[in-house]
C-alpha atoms as a PDB file:
ATOM      1  CA  UNK A   1      -0.311  -0.128   0.066  1.00  0.00           C
ATOM      2  CA  UNK A   2       1.211   3.502  -0.451  1.00  0.00           C
ATOM      3  CA  UNK A   3       1.428   6.307   1.553  1.00  0.00           C
ATOM      4  CA  UNK A   4      -1.098   8.937   0.995  1.00  0.00           C
ATOM      5  CA  UNK A   5       1.073  11.854   2.373  1.00  0.00           C
ATOM      6  CA  UNK A   6       3.821  10.482   0.416  1.00  0.00           C
ATOM      7  CA  UNK A   7       4.840  12.459  -2.710  1.00  0.00           C
ATOM      8  CA  UNK A   8       3.543  11.202  -5.888  1.00  0.00           C
ATOM      9  CA  UNK A   9       6.940  12.453  -7.674  1.00  0.00           C
ATOM     10  CA  UNK A  10      10.363  13.700  -6.750  1.00  0.00           C
ATOM     11  CA  UNK A  11      10.484  17.037  -4.716  1.00  0.00           C
ATOM     12  CA  UNK A  12      11.655  20.005  -7.193  1.00  0.00           C
ATOM     13  CA  UNK A  13      10.285  18.235 -10.203  1.00  0.00           C
ATOM     14  CA  UNK A  14       7.223  20.088 -11.944  1.00  0.00           C
ATOM     15  CA  UNK A  15       4.147  18.010 -12.174  1.00  0.00           C
ATOM     16  CA  UNK A  16       2.279  17.423 -15.154  1.00  0.00           C
ATOM     17  CA  UNK A  17      -0.455  19.736 -14.094  1.00  0.00           C
ATOM     18  CA  UNK A  18       1.754  22.516 -13.259  1.00  0.00           C
ATOM     19  CA  UNK A  19       3.537  22.059 -16.752  1.00  0.00           C
ATOM     20  CA  UNK A  20       0.291  22.307 -18.256  1.00  0.00           C
ATOM     21  CA  UNK A  21      -0.569  25.403 -16.637  1.00  0.00           C
ATOM     22  CA  UNK A  22       2.396  27.334 -17.517  1.00  0.00           C
ATOM     23  CA  UNK A  23       2.116  26.130 -21.079  1.00  0.00           C
ATOM     24  CA  UNK A  24      -1.575  27.902 -20.823  1.00  0.00           C
ATOM     25  CA  UNK A  25      -0.182  31.055 -19.386  1.00  0.00           C
ATOM     26  CA  UNK A  26       2.519  31.468 -22.304  1.00  0.00           C
ATOM     27  CA  UNK A  27      -0.118  30.386 -24.594  1.00  0.00           C
ATOM     28  CA  UNK A  28      -2.507  33.269 -23.336  1.00  0.00           C
ATOM     29  CA  UNK A  29       0.254  35.792 -23.250  1.00  0.00           C
ATOM     30  CA  UNK A  30       0.645  35.171 -26.526  1.00  0.00           C
ATOM     31  CA  UNK A  31      -2.558  35.695 -27.573  1.00  0.00           C
ATOM     32  CA  UNK A  32      -2.884  38.705 -25.475  1.00  0.00           C
ATOM     33  CA  UNK A  33       0.416  40.139 -27.244  1.00  0.00           C
ATOM     34  CA  UNK A  34      -1.303  39.165 -30.925  1.00  0.00           C
ATOM     35  CA  UNK A  35      -4.623  40.816 -30.110  1.00  0.00           C
ATOM     36  CA  UNK A  36      -3.046  44.263 -28.865  1.00  0.00           C
ATOM     37  CA  UNK A  37      -1.130  44.304 -32.116  1.00  0.00           C
ATOM     38  CA  UNK A  38      -4.216  43.585 -34.045  1.00  0.00           C
ATOM     39  CA  UNK A  39      -6.114  46.246 -32.193  1.00  0.00           C
ATOM     40  CA  UNK A  40      -3.436  48.597 -32.438  1.00  0.00           C
ATOM     41  CA  UNK A  41      -2.944  47.879 -36.217  1.00  0.00           C
ATOM     42  CA  UNK A  42      -6.927  48.196 -36.405  1.00  0.00           C
ATOM     43  CA  UNK A  43      -7.029  51.718 -34.625  1.00  0.00           C
ATOM     44  CA  UNK A  44      -4.129  52.900 -37.022  1.00  0.00           C
ATOM     45  CA  UNK A  45      -5.964  51.790 -39.961  1.00  0.00           C
ATOM     46  CA  UNK A  46      -9.187  53.492 -38.581  1.00  0.00           C
ATOM     47  CA  UNK A  47      -7.382  56.337 -37.956  1.00  0.00           C
ATOM     48  CA  UNK A  48      -5.910  56.659 -41.472  1.00  0.00           C
ATOM     49  CA  UNK A  49      -9.686  56.045 -42.728  1.00  0.00           C
ATOM     50  CA  UNK A  50     -10.957  58.821 -41.005  1.00  0.00           C
ATOM     51  CA  UNK A  51      -8.491  61.065 -41.860  1.00  0.00           C
ATOM     52  CA  UNK A  52      -9.131  60.051 -45.669  1.00  0.00           C
ATOM     53  CA  UNK A  53     -12.701  60.495 -45.145  1.00  0.00           C
ATOM     54  CA  UNK A  54     -12.190  64.229 -43.728  1.00  0.00           C
ATOM     55  CA  UNK A  55     -10.107  64.991 -46.731  1.00  0.00           C
ATOM     56  CA  UNK A  56     -12.628  63.686 -49.009  1.00  0.00           C
ATOM     57  CA  UNK A  57     -15.624  65.892 -47.149  1.00  0.00           C
ATOM     58  CA  UNK A  58     -13.577  68.686 -47.714  1.00  0.00           C
ATOM     59  CA  UNK A  59     -12.623  68.310 -51.112  1.00  0.00           C
ATOM     60  CA  UNK A  60     -16.136  67.358 -52.144  1.00  0.00           C
ATOM     61  CA  UNK A  61     -17.316  70.548 -49.884  1.00  0.00           C
ATOM     62  CA  UNK A  62     -14.991  72.587 -52.211  1.00  0.00           C
ATOM     63  CA  UNK A  63     -15.940  71.380 -55.539  1.00  0.00           C
ATOM     64  CA  UNK A  64     -19.655  72.102 -54.293  1.00  0.00           C
ATOM     65  CA  UNK A  65     -18.773  75.330 -53.141  1.00  0.00           C
ATOM     66  CA  UNK A  66     -17.581  76.052 -56.389  1.00  0.00           C
ATOM     67  CA  UNK A  67     -20.027  74.694 -58.224  1.00  0.00           C
ATOM     68  CA  UNK A  68     -22.477  76.917 -56.044  1.00  0.00           C
ATOM     69  CA  UNK A  69     -20.117  80.078 -56.772  1.00  0.00           C
ATOM     70  CA  UNK A  70     -20.033  79.331 -60.331  1.00  0.00           C
ATOM     71  CA  UNK A  71     -23.964  79.160 -61.027  1.00  0.00           C
ATOM     72  CA  UNK A  72     -24.229  82.231 -58.698  1.00  0.00           C
ATOM     73  CA  UNK A  73     -21.719  83.693 -61.043  1.00  0.00           C
ATOM     74  CA  UNK A  74     -23.343  82.672 -64.257  1.00  0.00           C
ATOM     75  CA  UNK A  75     -26.851  84.075 -63.170  1.00  0.00           C
ATOM     76  CA  UNK A  76     -25.306  86.930 -61.864  1.00  0.00           C
ATOM     77  CA  UNK A  77     -23.148  87.864 -65.072  1.00  0.00           C
ATOM     78  CA  UNK A  78     -26.710  86.707 -67.263  1.00  0.00           C
ATOM     79  CA  UNK A  79     -28.633  89.212 -65.521  1.00  0.00           C
ATOM     80  CA  UNK A  80     -26.160  92.151 -65.831  1.00  0.00           C
ATOM     81  CA  UNK A  81     -25.671  91.318 -69.651  1.00  0.00           C
ATOM     82  CA  UNK A  82     -29.589  91.605 -70.049  1.00  0.00           C
ATOM     83  CA  UNK A  83     -29.392  95.084 -68.325  1.00  0.00           C
ATOM     84  CA  UNK A  84     -27.293  96.117 -70.999  1.00  0.00           C
ATOM     85  CA  UNK A  85     -23.733  95.939 -69.085  1.00  0.00           C
ATOM     86  CA  UNK A  86     -20.485  95.476 -71.138  1.00  0.00           C
ATOM     87  CA  UNK A  87     -18.424  92.141 -70.436  1.00  0.00           C
ATOM     88  CA  UNK A  88     -15.774  94.320 -68.776  1.00  0.00           C
ATOM     89  CA  UNK A  89     -18.164  95.827 -66.435  1.00  0.00           C
ATOM     90  CA  UNK A  90     -19.510  92.300 -65.648  1.00  0.00           C
ATOM     91  CA  UNK A  91     -15.808  91.059 -65.416  1.00  0.00           C
ATOM     92  CA  UNK A  92     -15.389  93.880 -62.595  1.00  0.00           C
ATOM     93  CA  UNK A  93     -18.479  92.947 -60.787  1.00  0.00           C
ATOM     94  CA  UNK A  94     -17.583  89.213 -60.381  1.00  0.00           C
ATOM     95  CA  UNK A  95     -14.352  90.216 -59.410  1.00  0.00           C
ATOM     96  CA  UNK A  96     -15.233  92.538 -56.642  1.00  0.00           C
ATOM     97  CA  UNK A  97     -18.630  91.011 -55.858  1.00  0.00           C
ATOM     98  CA  UNK A  98     -18.136  87.414 -56.149  1.00  0.00           C
ATOM     99  CA  UNK A  99     -14.556  87.565 -55.572  1.00  0.00           C
ATOM    100  CA  UNK A 100     -13.917  85.449 -58.546  1.00  0.00           C
ATOM    101  CA  UNK A 101     -10.048  85.464 -59.413  1.00  0.00           C
ATOM    102  CA  UNK A 102     -10.614  84.294 -62.925  1.00  0.00           C
ATOM    103  CA  UNK A 103     -14.319  84.580 -64.369  1.00  0.00           C
ATOM    104  CA  UNK A 104     -13.181  84.276 -67.965  1.00  0.00           C
ATOM    105  CA  UNK A 105     -15.377  81.157 -68.492  1.00  0.00           C
ATOM    106  CA  UNK A 106     -18.465  82.775 -67.212  1.00  0.00           C
ATOM    107  CA  UNK A 107     -17.671  85.776 -69.380  1.00  0.00           C
ATOM    108  CA  UNK A 108     -17.102  83.630 -72.370  1.00  0.00           C
ATOM    109  CA  UNK A 109     -20.386  81.440 -71.655  1.00  0.00           C
ATOM    110  CA  UNK A 110     -22.635  84.688 -71.505  1.00  0.00           C
ATOM    111  CA  UNK A 111     -20.891  87.257 -73.894  1.00  0.00           C
ATOM    112  CA  UNK A 112     -19.093  84.716 -76.559  1.00  0.00           C
ATOM    113  CA  UNK A 113     -15.465  83.784 -76.726  1.00  0.00           C
ATOM    114  CA  UNK A 114     -13.033  86.386 -77.525  1.00  0.00           C
ATOM    115  CA  UNK A 115     -15.294  88.891 -77.317  1.00  0.00           C
ATOM    116  CA  UNK A 116     -13.981  92.778 -75.808  1.00  0.00           C
ATOM    117  CA  UNK A 117     -14.373  94.424 -72.453  1.00  0.00           C
ATOM    118  CA  UNK A 118     -16.948  96.952 -74.821  1.00  0.00           C
ATOM    119  CA  UNK A 119     -19.162  93.943 -75.763  1.00  0.00           C
ATOM    120  CA  UNK A 120     -22.765  93.925 -74.948  1.00  0.00           C
ATOM    121  CA  UNK A 121     -24.833  90.639 -75.580  1.00  0.00           C
ATOM    122  CA  UNK A 122     -26.878  91.656 -78.919  1.00  0.00           C
ATOM    123  CA  UNK A 123     -30.111  90.282 -78.004  1.00  0.00           C
ATOM    124  CA  UNK A 124     -30.060  92.717 -74.172  1.00  0.00           C
ATOM    125  CA  UNK A 125     -31.889  95.345 -75.927  1.00  0.00           C
ATOM    126  CA  UNK A 126     -34.300  92.822 -77.713  1.00  0.00           C
ATOM    127  CA  UNK A 127     -34.812  91.282 -74.405  1.00  0.00           C
ATOM    128  CA  UNK A 128     -35.741  94.838 -73.035  1.00  0.00           C
ATOM    129  CA  UNK A 129     -38.449  95.289 -75.958  1.00  0.00           C
ATOM    130  CA  UNK A 130     -36.274  97.435 -78.013  1.00  0.00           C
ATOM    131  CA  UNK A 131     -35.730  96.756 -81.609  1.00  0.00           C
ATOM    132  CA  UNK A 132     -32.098  95.830 -82.430  1.00  0.00           C
END
């Protein structure tokens, strides 16, 4: 019969249960490290994606602002041209009133490409009810 108080193994040796517990703890620590690295990478990716999304939103906002300004400039130029203003007068108003730095494209649409500063639209007088 064996002594129930006797050590089943030699003193100083690690039992199988202790060995398994150490290995499990080692695996858990490695998994926690891997999870932390994955989390850090995901957070960095999310930050990059948020920054890119903000930049794209800013770009879209600027494009929409320019489109709105272009439509506003076109309407303003057409209204002034119908009122009999010259291309030069309309250009000055677009530069000062709407602060457009280059209103040439809008002016070309309203007055025609290559027209001079003193050019008026020929149909402005007709629009007012006068004969040409």
